[in-house]
Amino acid sequence: ALKRGVAAERAQDYDRAVAEYTNAVRQRPGDVSARTALERARLRAASDHFTRGRRLAATVKPDAALVEYELALELNPTSGDIETELRAVRQQ
């Protein structure tokens, strides 16, 4: 799972990397490198979803933007920027 996560991350498929690293952490909960890789992939995936959400919001596609922002927030729940954009889309 760790090798598949690395491959997905190299291909910039961060959602798949999150899934693979999550499996790696489940298989080896004490593996610090797997946990670190998972956190890195989560942040990158969140960033990708946030960027897609902003693009969709700018093209007046609030429903699609909302989905992307929710995914981003799920991956990075501490991001104030994501929360702000999510609130703005919900108010539309």
PDB file of N, CA and C in Angstrom:
ATOM      1  N   ALA A   1       0.832  -1.199   0.000  1.00  0.00           N
ATOM      2  CA  ALA A   1       0.000   0.000   0.000  1.00  0.00           C
ATOM      3  C   ALA A   1       0.874   1.259   0.000  1.00  0.00           C
ATOM      4  N   LEU A   2       1.975   1.204   0.726  1.00  0.00           N
ATOM      5  CA  LEU A   2       2.861   2.370   0.786  1.00  0.00           C
ATOM      6  C   LEU A   2       3.463   2.650  -0.594  1.00  0.00           C
ATOM      7  N   LYS A   3       3.887   1.613  -1.287  1.00  0.00           N
ATOM      8  CA  LYS A   3       4.459   1.795  -2.626  1.00  0.00           C
ATOM      9  C   LYS A   3       3.408   2.327  -3.603  1.00  0.00           C
ATOM     10  N   ARG A   4       2.177   1.827  -3.486  1.00  0.00           N
ATOM     11  CA  ARG A   4       1.114   2.322  -4.365  1.00  0.00           C
ATOM     12  C   ARG A   4       0.796   3.783  -4.048  1.00  0.00           C
ATOM     13  N   GLY A   5       0.889   4.152  -2.790  1.00  0.00           N
ATOM     14  CA  GLY A   5       0.686   5.545  -2.396  1.00  0.00           C
ATOM     15  C   GLY A   5       1.755   6.448  -2.979  1.00  0.00           C
ATOM     16  N   VAL A   6       2.990   6.001  -2.927  1.00  0.00           N
ATOM     17  CA  VAL A   6       4.095   6.772  -3.513  1.00  0.00           C
ATOM     18  C   VAL A   6       3.875   6.941  -5.011  1.00  0.00           C
ATOM     19  N   ALA A   7       3.484   5.867  -5.680  1.00  0.00           N
ATOM     20  CA  ALA A   7       3.246   5.931  -7.128  1.00  0.00           C
ATOM     21  C   ALA A   7       2.115   6.896  -7.447  1.00  0.00           C
ATOM     22  N   ALA A   8       1.047   6.846  -6.673  1.00  0.00           N
ATOM     23  CA  ALA A   8      -0.082   7.753  -6.894  1.00  0.00           C
ATOM     24  C   ALA A   8       0.326   9.202  -6.651  1.00  0.00           C
ATOM     25  N   GLU A   9       1.112   9.411  -5.608  1.00  0.00           N
ATOM     26  CA  GLU A   9       1.577  10.768  -5.308  1.00  0.00           C
ATOM     27  C   GLU A   9       2.464  11.298  -6.427  1.00  0.00           C
ATOM     28  N   ARG A  10       3.338  10.464  -6.942  1.00  0.00           N
ATOM     29  CA  ARG A  10       4.201  10.879  -8.064  1.00  0.00           C
ATOM     30  C   ARG A  10       3.371  11.234  -9.297  1.00  0.00           C
ATOM     31  N   ALA A  11       2.249  10.522  -9.485  1.00  0.00           N
ATOM     32  CA  ALA A  11       1.353  10.789 -10.616  1.00  0.00           C
ATOM     33  C   ALA A  11       0.413  11.961 -10.320  1.00  0.00           C
ATOM     34  N   GLN A  12       0.567  12.557  -9.160  1.00  0.00           N
ATOM     35  CA  GLN A  12      -0.254  13.670  -8.693  1.00  0.00           C
ATOM     36  C   GLN A  12      -1.731  13.283  -8.574  1.00  0.00           C
ATOM     37  N   ASP A  13      -1.983  12.019  -8.273  1.00  0.00           N
ATOM     38  CA  ASP A  13      -3.328  11.527  -7.998  1.00  0.00           C
ATOM     39  C   ASP A  13      -3.451  11.447  -6.475  1.00  0.00           C
ATOM     40  N   TYR A  14      -3.675  12.602  -5.869  1.00  0.00           N
ATOM     41  CA  TYR A  14      -3.597  12.698  -4.421  1.00  0.00           C
ATOM     42  C   TYR A  14      -4.754  12.000  -3.711  1.00  0.00           C
ATOM     43  N   ASP A  15      -5.920  11.933  -4.334  1.00  0.00           N
ATOM     44  CA  ASP A  15      -7.023  11.197  -3.712  1.00  0.00           C
ATOM     45  C   ASP A  15      -6.673   9.714  -3.597  1.00  0.00           C
ATOM     46  N   ARG A  16      -6.107   9.166  -4.660  1.00  0.00           N
ATOM     47  CA  ARG A  16      -5.691   7.756  -4.620  1.00  0.00           C
ATOM     48  C   ARG A  16      -4.555   7.570  -3.626  1.00  0.00           C
ATOM     49  N   ALA A  17      -3.641   8.538  -3.573  1.00  0.00           N
ATOM     50  CA  ALA A  17      -2.539   8.460  -2.611  1.00  0.00           C
ATOM     51  C   ALA A  17      -3.076   8.429  -1.186  1.00  0.00           C
ATOM     52  N   VAL A  18      -4.087   9.251  -0.910  1.00  0.00           N
ATOM     53  CA  VAL A  18      -4.692   9.253   0.436  1.00  0.00           C
ATOM     54  C   VAL A  18      -5.252   7.876   0.739  1.00  0.00           C
ATOM     55  N   ALA A  19      -5.950   7.287  -0.209  1.00  0.00           N
ATOM     56  CA  ALA A  19      -6.535   5.959   0.015  1.00  0.00           C
ATOM     57  C   ALA A  19      -5.453   4.911   0.264  1.00  0.00           C
ATOM     58  N   GLU A  20      -4.398   4.943  -0.531  1.00  0.00           N
ATOM     59  CA  GLU A  20      -3.326   3.956  -0.373  1.00  0.00           C
ATOM     60  C   GLU A  20      -2.569   4.151   0.939  1.00  0.00           C
ATOM     61  N   TYR A  21      -2.253   5.397   1.258  1.00  0.00           N
ATOM     62  CA  TYR A  21      -1.543   5.655   2.516  1.00  0.00           C
ATOM     63  C   TYR A  21      -2.422   5.312   3.724  1.00  0.00           C
ATOM     64  N   THR A  22      -3.727   5.531   3.601  1.00  0.00           N
ATOM     65  CA  THR A  22      -4.641   5.152   4.683  1.00  0.00           C
ATOM     66  C   THR A  22      -4.568   3.644   4.909  1.00  0.00           C
ATOM     67  N   ASN A  23      -4.551   2.892   3.822  1.00  0.00           N
ATOM     68  CA  ASN A  23      -4.409   1.433   3.941  1.00  0.00           C
ATOM     69  C   ASN A  23      -3.074   1.070   4.578  1.00  0.00           C
ATOM     70  N   ALA A  24      -2.016   1.760   4.189  1.00  0.00           N
ATOM     71  CA  ALA A  24      -0.694   1.486   4.759  1.00  0.00           C
ATOM     72  C   ALA A  24      -0.687   1.745   6.267  1.00  0.00           C
ATOM     73  N   VAL A  25      -1.330   2.830   6.678  1.00  0.00           N
ATOM     74  CA  VAL A  25      -1.384   3.152   8.118  1.00  0.00           C
ATOM     75  C   VAL A  25      -2.216   2.114   8.863  1.00  0.00           C
ATOM     76  N   ARG A  26      -3.281   1.647   8.249  1.00  0.00           N
ATOM     77  CA  ARG A  26      -4.102   0.606   8.890  1.00  0.00           C
ATOM     78  C   ARG A  26      -3.314  -0.688   9.055  1.00  0.00           C
ATOM     79  N   GLN A  27      -2.497  -1.018   8.050  1.00  0.00           N
ATOM     80  CA  GLN A  27      -1.705  -2.241   8.108  1.00  0.00           C
ATOM     81  C   GLN A  27      -0.558  -2.123   9.106  1.00  0.00           C
ATOM     82  N   ARG A  28       0.014  -0.913   9.201  1.00  0.00           N
ATOM     83  CA  ARG A  28       1.167  -0.692  10.087  1.00  0.00           C
ATOM     84  C   ARG A  28       0.964   0.619  10.847  1.00  0.00           C
ATOM     85  N   PRO A  29       0.125   0.603  11.886  1.00  0.00           N
ATOM     86  CA  PRO A  29      -0.228   1.831  12.602  1.00  0.00           C
ATOM     87  C   PRO A  29       0.957   2.587  13.208  1.00  0.00           C
ATOM     88  N   GLY A  30       2.026   1.909  13.487  1.00  0.00           N
ATOM     89  CA  GLY A  30       3.174   2.561  14.092  1.00  0.00           C
ATOM     90  C   GLY A  30       4.170   3.146  13.099  1.00  0.00           C
ATOM     91  N   ASP A  31       3.907   3.002  11.817  1.00  0.00           N
ATOM     92  CA  ASP A  31       4.832   3.450  10.779  1.00  0.00           C
ATOM     93  C   ASP A  31       4.733   4.969  10.604  1.00  0.00           C
ATOM     94  N   VAL A  32       5.729   5.666  11.112  1.00  0.00           N
ATOM     95  CA  VAL A  32       5.733   7.125  11.081  1.00  0.00           C
ATOM     96  C   VAL A  32       5.819   7.649   9.649  1.00  0.00           C
ATOM     97  N   SER A  33       6.567   6.969   8.794  1.00  0.00           N
ATOM     98  CA  SER A  33       6.691   7.444   7.406  1.00  0.00           C
ATOM     99  C   SER A  33       5.352   7.331   6.678  1.00  0.00           C
ATOM    100  N   ALA A  34       4.578   6.291   6.953  1.00  0.00           N
ATOM    101  CA  ALA A  34       3.258   6.147   6.332  1.00  0.00           C
ATOM    102  C   ALA A  34       2.318   7.233   6.824  1.00  0.00           C
ATOM    103  N   ARG A  35       2.373   7.530   8.110  1.00  0.00           N
ATOM    104  CA  ARG A  35       1.522   8.596   8.666  1.00  0.00           C
ATOM    105  C   ARG A  35       1.893   9.959   8.096  1.00  0.00           C
ATOM    106  N   THR A  36       3.176  10.204   7.965  1.00  0.00           N
ATOM    107  CA  THR A  36       3.647  11.467   7.393  1.00  0.00           C
ATOM    108  C   THR A  36       3.226  11.589   5.938  1.00  0.00           C
ATOM    109  N   ALA A  37       3.379  10.513   5.194  1.00  0.00           N
ATOM    110  CA  ALA A  37       2.976  10.516   3.790  1.00  0.00           C
ATOM    111  C   ALA A  37       1.475  10.731   3.651  1.00  0.00           C
ATOM    112  N   LEU A  38       0.698  10.117   4.544  1.00  0.00           N
ATOM    113  CA  LEU A  38      -0.756  10.291   4.522  1.00  0.00           C
ATOM    114  C   LEU A  38      -1.124  11.750   4.761  1.00  0.00           C
ATOM    115  N   GLU A  39      -0.512  12.353   5.733  1.00  0.00           N
ATOM    116  CA  GLU A  39      -0.823  13.757   6.031  1.00  0.00           C
ATOM    117  C   GLU A  39      -0.434  14.659   4.860  1.00  0.00           C
ATOM    118  N   ARG A  40       0.707  14.410   4.271  1.00  0.00           N
ATOM    119  CA  ARG A  40       1.145  15.205   3.114  1.00  0.00           C
ATOM    120  C   ARG A  40       0.163  15.057   1.952  1.00  0.00           C
ATOM    121  N   ALA A  41      -0.250  13.818   1.678  1.00  0.00           N
ATOM    122  CA  ALA A  41      -1.187  13.567   0.579  1.00  0.00           C
ATOM    123  C   ALA A  41      -2.551  14.195   0.869  1.00  0.00           C
ATOM    124  N   ARG A  42      -2.980  14.163   2.128  1.00  0.00           N
ATOM    125  CA  ARG A  42      -4.261  14.790   2.492  1.00  0.00           C
ATOM    126  C   ARG A  42      -4.225  16.292   2.220  1.00  0.00           C
ATOM    127  N   LEU A  43      -3.126  16.929   2.580  1.00  0.00           N
ATOM    128  CA  LEU A  43      -3.015  18.372   2.353  1.00  0.00           C
ATOM    129  C   LEU A  43      -2.976  18.700   0.863  1.00  0.00           C
ATOM    130  N   ARG A  44      -2.268  17.893   0.104  1.00  0.00           N
ATOM    131  CA  ARG A  44      -2.204  18.134  -1.348  1.00  0.00           C
ATOM    132  C   ARG A  44      -3.558  17.882  -1.996  1.00  0.00           C
ATOM    133  N   ALA A  45      -4.240  16.832  -1.585  1.00  0.00           N
ATOM    134  CA  ALA A  45      -5.570  16.545  -2.131  1.00  0.00           C
ATOM    135  C   ALA A  45      -6.540  17.669  -1.761  1.00  0.00           C
ATOM    136  N   ALA A  46      -6.460  18.134  -0.522  1.00  0.00           N
ATOM    137  CA  ALA A  46      -7.325  19.240  -0.092  1.00  0.00           C
ATOM    138  C   ALA A  46      -7.064  20.478  -0.939  1.00  0.00           C
ATOM    139  N   SER A  47      -5.808  20.746  -1.196  1.00  0.00           N
ATOM    140  CA  SER A  47      -5.451  21.899  -2.016  1.00  0.00           C
ATOM    141  C   SER A  47      -6.010  21.770  -3.431  1.00  0.00           C
ATOM    142  N   ASP A  48      -5.925  20.579  -3.990  1.00  0.00           N
ATOM    143  CA  ASP A  48      -6.477  20.348  -5.334  1.00  0.00           C
ATOM    144  C   ASP A  48      -7.990  20.572  -5.354  1.00  0.00           C
ATOM    145  N   HIS A  49      -8.685  20.027  -4.364  1.00  0.00           N
ATOM    146  CA  HIS A  49     -10.139  20.196  -4.310  1.00  0.00           C
ATOM    147  C   HIS A  49     -10.514  21.664  -4.076  1.00  0.00           C
ATOM    148  N   PHE A  50      -9.752  22.342  -3.257  1.00  0.00           N
ATOM    149  CA  PHE A  50     -10.001  23.763  -2.997  1.00  0.00           C
ATOM    150  C   PHE A  50      -9.842  24.569  -4.284  1.00  0.00           C
ATOM    151  N   THR A  51      -8.776  24.283  -5.023  1.00  0.00           N
ATOM    152  CA  THR A  51      -8.541  24.986  -6.292  1.00  0.00           C
ATOM    153  C   THR A  51      -9.671  24.708  -7.284  1.00  0.00           C
ATOM    154  N   ARG A  52     -10.085  23.455  -7.378  1.00  0.00           N
ATOM    155  CA  ARG A  52     -11.204  23.119  -8.276  1.00  0.00           C
ATOM    156  C   ARG A  52     -12.480  23.826  -7.838  1.00  0.00           C
ATOM    157  N   GLY A  53     -12.694  23.875  -6.539  1.00  0.00           N
ATOM    158  CA  GLY A  53     -13.876  24.565  -6.012  1.00  0.00           C
ATOM    159  C   GLY A  53     -13.876  26.036  -6.379  1.00  0.00           C
ATOM    160  N   ARG A  54     -12.743  26.679  -6.261  1.00  0.00           N
ATOM    161  CA  ARG A  54     -12.646  28.102  -6.616  1.00  0.00           C
ATOM    162  C   ARG A  54     -12.923  28.309  -8.101  1.00  0.00           C
ATOM    163  N   ARG A  55     -12.382  27.429  -8.925  1.00  0.00           N
ATOM    164  CA  ARG A  55     -12.643  27.546 -10.379  1.00  0.00           C
ATOM    165  C   ARG A  55     -14.124  27.372 -10.683  1.00  0.00           C
ATOM    166  N   LEU A  56     -14.733  26.391 -10.059  1.00  0.00           N
ATOM    167  CA  LEU A  56     -16.152  26.142 -10.287  1.00  0.00           C
ATOM    168  C   LEU A  56     -17.016  27.287  -9.769  1.00  0.00           C
ATOM    169  N   ALA A  57     -16.652  27.825  -8.629  1.00  0.00           N
ATOM    170  CA  ALA A  57     -17.407  28.962  -8.077  1.00  0.00           C
ATOM    171  C   ALA A  57     -17.299  30.167  -9.004  1.00  0.00           C
ATOM    172  N   ALA A  58     -16.135  30.351  -9.595  1.00  0.00           N
ATOM    173  CA  ALA A  58     -15.919  31.490 -10.498  1.00  0.00           C
ATOM    174  C   ALA A  58     -16.709  31.334 -11.793  1.00  0.00           C
ATOM    175  N   THR A  59     -17.008  30.097 -12.180  1.00  0.00           N
ATOM    176  CA  THR A  59     -17.769  29.866 -13.405  1.00  0.00           C
ATOM    177  C   THR A  59     -19.253  29.655 -13.095  1.00  0.00           C
ATOM    178  N   VAL A  60     -19.660  30.087 -11.925  1.00  0.00           N
ATOM    179  CA  VAL A  60     -21.059  30.043 -11.478  1.00  0.00           C
ATOM    180  C   VAL A  60     -21.622  28.618 -11.519  1.00  0.00           C
ATOM    181  N   LYS A  61     -20.884  27.718 -10.887  1.00  0.00           N
ATOM    182  CA  LYS A  61     -21.335  26.337 -10.716  1.00  0.00           C
ATOM    183  C   LYS A  61     -21.277  26.024  -9.221  1.00  0.00           C
ATOM    184  N   PRO A  62     -22.177  26.664  -8.452  1.00  0.00           N
ATOM    185  CA  PRO A  62     -22.082  26.557  -6.996  1.00  0.00           C
ATOM    186  C   PRO A  62     -22.264  25.139  -6.454  1.00  0.00           C
ATOM    187  N   ASP A  63     -23.108  24.320  -7.083  1.00  0.00           N
ATOM    188  CA  ASP A  63     -23.302  22.957  -6.569  1.00  0.00           C
ATOM    189  C   ASP A  63     -22.026  22.129  -6.687  1.00  0.00           C
ATOM    190  N   ALA A  64     -21.379  22.237  -7.834  1.00  0.00           N
ATOM    191  CA  ALA A  64     -20.124  21.508  -8.035  1.00  0.00           C
ATOM    192  C   ALA A  64     -19.027  22.069  -7.136  1.00  0.00           C
ATOM    193  N   ALA A  65     -18.997  23.398  -6.985  1.00  0.00           N
ATOM    194  CA  ALA A  65     -18.011  24.032  -6.100  1.00  0.00           C
ATOM    195  C   ALA A  65     -18.212  23.565  -4.664  1.00  0.00           C
ATOM    196  N   LEU A  66     -19.460  23.474  -4.250  1.00  0.00           N
ATOM    197  CA  LEU A  66     -19.777  23.034  -2.892  1.00  0.00           C
ATOM    198  C   LEU A  66     -19.213  21.644  -2.614  1.00  0.00           C
ATOM    199  N   VAL A  67     -19.370  20.738  -3.568  1.00  0.00           N
ATOM    200  CA  VAL A  67     -18.844  19.376  -3.410  1.00  0.00           C
ATOM    201  C   VAL A  67     -17.327  19.412  -3.241  1.00  0.00           C
ATOM    202  N   GLU A  68     -16.643  20.189  -4.076  1.00  0.00           N
ATOM    203  CA  GLU A  68     -15.182  20.274  -3.996  1.00  0.00           C
ATOM    204  C   GLU A  68     -14.734  20.878  -2.663  1.00  0.00           C
ATOM    205  N   TYR A  69     -15.405  21.939  -2.229  1.00  0.00           N
ATOM    206  CA  TYR A  69     -15.042  22.559  -0.950  1.00  0.00           C
ATOM    207  C   TYR A  69     -15.284  21.604   0.218  1.00  0.00           C
ATOM    208  N   GLU A  70     -16.370  20.847   0.161  1.00  0.00           N
ATOM    209  CA  GLU A  70     -16.640  19.894   1.244  1.00  0.00           C
ATOM    210  C   GLU A  70     -15.573  18.801   1.299  1.00  0.00           C
ATOM    211  N   LEU A  71     -15.165  18.326   0.123  1.00  0.00           N
ATOM    212  CA  LEU A  71     -14.080  17.335   0.088  1.00  0.00           C
ATOM    213  C   LEU A  71     -12.794  17.933   0.642  1.00  0.00           C
ATOM    214  N   ALA A  72     -12.499  19.166   0.241  1.00  0.00           N
ATOM    215  CA  ALA A  72     -11.285  19.830   0.726  1.00  0.00           C
ATOM    216  C   ALA A  72     -11.313  19.964   2.244  1.00  0.00           C
ATOM    217  N   LEU A  73     -12.462  20.360   2.781  1.00  0.00           N
ATOM    218  CA  LEU A  73     -12.564  20.540   4.226  1.00  0.00           C
ATOM    219  C   LEU A  73     -12.467  19.214   4.974  1.00  0.00           C
ATOM    220  N   GLU A  74     -13.001  18.165   4.387  1.00  0.00           N
ATOM    221  CA  GLU A  74     -12.890  16.841   5.002  1.00  0.00           C
ATOM    222  C   GLU A  74     -11.423  16.408   5.089  1.00  0.00           C
ATOM    223  N   LEU A  75     -10.663  16.725   4.053  1.00  0.00           N
ATOM    224  CA  LEU A  75      -9.249  16.361   4.018  1.00  0.00           C
ATOM    225  C   LEU A  75      -8.383  17.270   4.883  1.00  0.00           C
ATOM    226  N   ASN A  76      -8.799  18.527   5.026  1.00  0.00           N
ATOM    227  CA  ASN A  76      -8.036  19.499   5.820  1.00  0.00           C
ATOM    228  C   ASN A  76      -9.006  20.325   6.658  1.00  0.00           C
ATOM    229  N   PRO A  77      -9.513  19.757   7.755  1.00  0.00           N
ATOM    230  CA  PRO A  77     -10.544  20.420   8.552  1.00  0.00           C
ATOM    231  C   PRO A  77     -10.071  21.667   9.310  1.00  0.00           C
ATOM    232  N   THR A  78      -8.795  21.941   9.312  1.00  0.00           N
ATOM    233  CA  THR A  78      -8.307  23.111  10.050  1.00  0.00           C
ATOM    234  C   THR A  78      -8.120  24.340   9.173  1.00  0.00           C
ATOM    235  N   SER A  79      -8.466  24.242   7.897  1.00  0.00           N
ATOM    236  CA  SER A  79      -8.250  25.354   6.978  1.00  0.00           C
ATOM    237  C   SER A  79      -9.360  26.398   7.066  1.00  0.00           C
ATOM    238  N   GLY A  80      -9.011  27.567   7.518  1.00  0.00           N
ATOM    239  CA  GLY A  80      -9.954  28.674   7.572  1.00  0.00           C
ATOM    240  C   GLY A  80     -10.340  29.154   6.189  1.00  0.00           C
ATOM    241  N   ASP A  81      -9.418  29.098   5.240  1.00  0.00           N
ATOM    242  CA  ASP A  81      -9.713  29.524   3.869  1.00  0.00           C
ATOM    243  C   ASP A  81     -10.801  28.654   3.245  1.00  0.00           C
ATOM    244  N   ILE A  82     -10.698  27.363   3.454  1.00  0.00           N
ATOM    245  CA  ILE A  82     -11.702  26.451   2.903  1.00  0.00           C
ATOM    246  C   ILE A  82     -13.056  26.727   3.541  1.00  0.00           C
ATOM    247  N   GLU A  83     -13.079  26.892   4.848  1.00  0.00           N
ATOM    248  CA  GLU A  83     -14.332  27.180   5.540  1.00  0.00           C
ATOM    249  C   GLU A  83     -14.975  28.461   5.028  1.00  0.00           C
ATOM    250  N   THR A  84     -14.160  29.488   4.805  1.00  0.00           N
ATOM    251  CA  THR A  84     -14.670  30.766   4.320  1.00  0.00           C
ATOM    252  C   THR A  84     -15.306  30.612   2.942  1.00  0.00           C
ATOM    253  N   GLU A  85     -14.622  29.936   2.046  1.00  0.00           N
ATOM    254  CA  GLU A  85     -15.154  29.742   0.697  1.00  0.00           C
ATOM    255  C   GLU A  85     -16.408  28.857   0.728  1.00  0.00           C
ATOM    256  N   LEU A  86     -16.412  27.865   1.573  1.00  0.00           N
ATOM    257  CA  LEU A  86     -17.564  26.986   1.704  1.00  0.00           C
ATOM    258  C   LEU A  86     -18.786  27.760   2.171  1.00  0.00           C
ATOM    259  N   ARG A  87     -18.600  28.611   3.179  1.00  0.00           N
ATOM    260  CA  ARG A  87     -19.709  29.450   3.657  1.00  0.00           C
ATOM    261  C   ARG A  87     -20.233  30.367   2.554  1.00  0.00           C
ATOM    262  N   ALA A  88     -19.319  30.939   1.791  1.00  0.00           N
ATOM    263  CA  ALA A  88     -19.722  31.854   0.713  1.00  0.00           C
ATOM    264  C   ALA A  88     -20.572  31.135  -0.337  1.00  0.00           C
ATOM    265  N   VAL A  89     -20.179  29.928  -0.695  1.00  0.00           N
ATOM    266  CA  VAL A  89     -20.940  29.181  -1.698  1.00  0.00           C
ATOM    267  C   VAL A  89     -22.292  28.768  -1.136  1.00  0.00           C
ATOM    268  N   ARG A  90     -22.336  28.385   0.112  1.00  0.00           N
ATOM    269  CA  ARG A  90     -23.612  27.986   0.727  1.00  0.00           C
ATOM    270  C   ARG A  90     -24.593  29.152   0.782  1.00  0.00           C
ATOM    271  N   GLN A  91     -24.106  30.362   0.868  1.00  0.00           N
ATOM    272  CA  GLN A  91     -24.953  31.543   0.947  1.00  0.00           C
ATOM    273  C   GLN A  91     -25.503  31.967  -0.413  1.00  0.00           C
ATOM    274  N   GLN A  92     -24.960  31.422  -1.467  1.00  0.00           N
ATOM    275  CA  GLN A  92     -25.424  31.806  -2.814  1.00  0.00           C
ATOM    276  C   GLN A  92     -26.780  31.254  -3.123  1.00  0.00           C
TER     277      GLN A  92
END
